[in-house]
């Protein structure tokens, strides 16, 4: 009889612990899936404006350089926000992809700063530099996104 009194509570504690452990794992898996879904959705929403960004400013003249810089800064801010979300919330993004994005991002910012200072004589070549840098940062962002989606 005493053995039953000892074994019954021990069994209940074991089953309770086992059940909590399974629930904790389920909750962790659900949280991970929710985070992955949020990262994917955020990236998809940014995709349209990112894809169309250059098309919206490609024909800007030197007289419109302030509007050009402002438009590109706005789109870049959106891209950067999404990239930071991916880098912080997706554990499966490689260091190489992060470094590639960070380097491309830095180069883009430098080129955009040059665009703000460009003269009418240097506008076309400066704008071409921004275009090349933008394409590189978008390509690096797409790699981040692809690695996050694969996880």
Protein backbone atom coordinates (compact mmCIF):
# COMPACT_ATOMS: atom_id res chain seq x y z
CA UNK A 1 0.00 0.00 0.00
CA UNK A 2 2.82 2.42 0.87
CA UNK A 3 4.50 1.60 -2.41
CA UNK A 4 1.32 2.61 -4.28
CA UNK A 5 1.22 5.91 -2.38
CA UNK A 6 4.78 6.65 -3.40
CA UNK A 7 4.55 5.40 -6.99
CA UNK A 8 1.25 7.13 -7.82
CA UNK A 9 2.50 10.68 -7.07
CA UNK A 10 5.81 9.87 -8.78
CA UNK A 11 3.94 8.69 -11.87
CA UNK A 12 1.76 11.81 -11.88
CA UNK A 13 4.78 14.09 -11.59
CA UNK A 14 6.52 12.19 -14.40
CA UNK A 15 3.47 12.43 -16.69
CA UNK A 16 3.00 16.11 -15.85
CA UNK A 17 6.64 16.85 -16.59
CA UNK A 18 6.51 14.83 -19.81
CA UNK A 19 3.38 16.70 -20.94
CA UNK A 20 4.88 20.10 -20.13
CA UNK A 21 8.03 19.21 -21.99
CA UNK A 22 6.03 18.29 -25.12
CA UNK A 23 3.99 21.49 -24.86
CA UNK A 24 7.11 23.61 -24.45
CA UNK A 25 8.63 22.05 -27.53
CA UNK A 26 5.38 22.56 -29.45
CA UNK A 27 5.27 26.19 -28.32
CA UNK A 28 8.89 26.71 -29.37
CA UNK A 29 8.24 25.17 -32.78
CA UNK A 30 5.11 27.31 -33.22
CA UNK A 31 7.00 30.48 -32.23
CA UNK A 32 9.79 29.60 -34.70
CA UNK A 33 7.27 29.00 -37.50
CA UNK A 34 5.47 32.26 -36.69
CA UNK A 35 8.76 34.17 -36.81
CA UNK A 36 9.73 32.53 -40.11
CA UNK A 37 6.32 33.37 -41.57
CA UNK A 38 6.61 36.98 -40.39
CA UNK A 39 10.06 37.33 -41.96
CA UNK A 40 8.80 35.88 -45.26
CA UNK A 41 5.72 38.12 -45.29
CA UNK A 42 7.75 41.22 -44.52
CA UNK A 43 10.18 40.38 -47.29
CA UNK A 44 7.38 39.79 -49.80
CA UNK A 45 5.74 43.10 -48.94
CA UNK A 46 9.01 44.93 -49.45
CA UNK A 47 9.67 43.10 -52.69
CA UNK A 48 7.30 45.14 -54.84
CA UNK A 49 8.60 48.54 -53.78
CA UNK A 50 12.19 47.33 -53.98
CA UNK A 51 11.70 45.90 -57.46
CA UNK A 52 10.11 49.13 -58.70
CA UNK A 53 12.41 51.57 -56.91
CA UNK A 54 14.89 52.16 -59.69
CA UNK A 55 12.20 52.39 -62.35
CA UNK A 56 10.60 55.23 -60.44
CA UNK A 57 13.76 57.35 -60.33
CA UNK A 58 15.79 56.28 -63.36
CA UNK A 59 14.77 59.29 -65.43
CA UNK A 60 15.37 61.92 -62.77
CA UNK A 61 17.58 64.78 -63.95
CA UNK A 62 20.30 66.60 -62.04
CA UNK A 63 17.68 69.24 -61.20
CA UNK A 64 15.74 66.52 -59.41
CA UNK A 65 18.65 65.07 -57.47
CA UNK A 66 17.13 65.95 -54.09
CA UNK A 67 13.93 64.08 -54.97
CA UNK A 68 16.04 61.23 -56.36
CA UNK A 69 18.06 60.92 -53.16
CA UNK A 70 14.95 61.19 -51.00
CA UNK A 71 13.09 58.50 -52.94
CA UNK A 72 16.06 56.13 -52.86
CA UNK A 73 16.63 56.78 -49.14
CA UNK A 74 13.00 55.89 -48.41
CA UNK A 75 13.15 52.66 -50.36
CA UNK A 76 16.54 51.80 -48.89
CA UNK A 77 15.20 52.38 -45.35
CA UNK A 78 12.46 49.84 -46.05
CA UNK A 79 14.97 47.38 -47.48
CA UNK A 80 17.32 47.89 -44.53
CA UNK A 81 14.52 47.38 -42.01
CA UNK A 82 13.56 44.09 -43.64
CA UNK A 83 17.19 43.00 -43.88
CA UNK A 84 17.70 43.69 -40.16
CA UNK A 85 14.59 41.65 -39.36
CA UNK A 86 15.92 38.76 -41.42
CA UNK A 87 19.40 38.99 -39.88
CA UNK A 88 18.05 39.16 -36.32
CA UNK A 89 15.22 36.65 -36.52
CA UNK A 90 16.47 33.99 -38.87
CA UNK A 91 19.16 31.82 -37.38
CA UNK A 92 19.95 30.14 -40.68
CA UNK A 93 21.38 33.12 -42.57
CA UNK A 94 25.09 32.64 -43.21
CA UNK A 95 27.74 35.06 -42.01
CA UNK A 96 28.88 35.35 -45.61
CA UNK A 97 25.43 36.53 -46.76
CA UNK A 98 25.27 39.05 -43.91
CA UNK A 99 28.76 40.38 -44.73
CA UNK A 100 27.90 40.61 -48.42
CA UNK A 101 24.73 42.55 -47.62
CA UNK A 102 26.49 44.88 -45.18
CA UNK A 103 29.25 45.65 -47.69
CA UNK A 104 26.77 46.27 -50.52
CA UNK A 105 24.70 48.43 -48.19
CA UNK A 106 27.70 50.55 -47.25
CA UNK A 107 28.64 51.02 -50.90
CA UNK A 108 25.08 52.02 -51.78
CA UNK A 109 25.02 54.63 -49.03
CA UNK A 110 28.32 56.06 -50.28
CA UNK A 111 27.01 56.27 -53.85
CA UNK A 112 23.78 57.88 -52.72
CA UNK A 113 25.74 60.49 -50.80
CA UNK A 114 27.72 61.23 -53.98
CA UNK A 115 24.43 61.65 -55.86
CA UNK A 116 23.37 64.31 -53.40
CA UNK A 117 26.57 66.23 -54.12
CA UNK A 118 26.65 65.64 -57.90
CA UNK A 119 26.81 68.48 -60.37
CA UNK A 120 24.91 68.57 -63.64
CA UNK A 121 28.13 67.53 -65.40
CA UNK A 122 28.63 64.44 -63.24
CA UNK A 123 24.97 63.53 -62.75
CA UNK A 124 24.70 60.76 -65.33
CA UNK A 125 27.81 58.91 -64.20
CA UNK A 126 26.92 59.38 -60.53
CA UNK A 127 23.40 58.12 -61.12
CA UNK A 128 24.85 55.09 -62.91
CA UNK A 129 27.01 54.41 -59.84
CA UNK A 130 23.93 54.55 -57.64
CA UNK A 131 22.12 52.17 -60.01
CA UNK A 132 24.98 49.65 -59.87
CA UNK A 133 25.20 49.92 -56.07
CA UNK A 134 21.41 49.58 -55.76
CA UNK A 135 21.42 46.42 -57.89
CA UNK A 136 24.20 44.97 -55.70
CA UNK A 137 22.40 45.72 -52.43
CA UNK A 138 19.15 44.26 -53.78
CA UNK A 139 21.01 41.15 -54.94
CA UNK A 140 22.60 40.77 -51.49
CA UNK A 141 19.21 41.33 -49.85
CA UNK A 142 17.67 38.65 -52.07
CA UNK A 143 20.35 36.23 -50.90
CA UNK A 144 19.49 36.99 -47.27
CA UNK A 145 15.84 36.47 -48.04
CA UNK A 146 16.50 33.20 -49.87
CA UNK A 147 18.56 31.80 -47.01
CA UNK A 148 15.88 32.82 -44.48
CA UNK A 149 13.19 31.20 -46.62
CA UNK A 150 15.16 27.97 -46.86
CA UNK A 151 15.13 27.64 -43.08
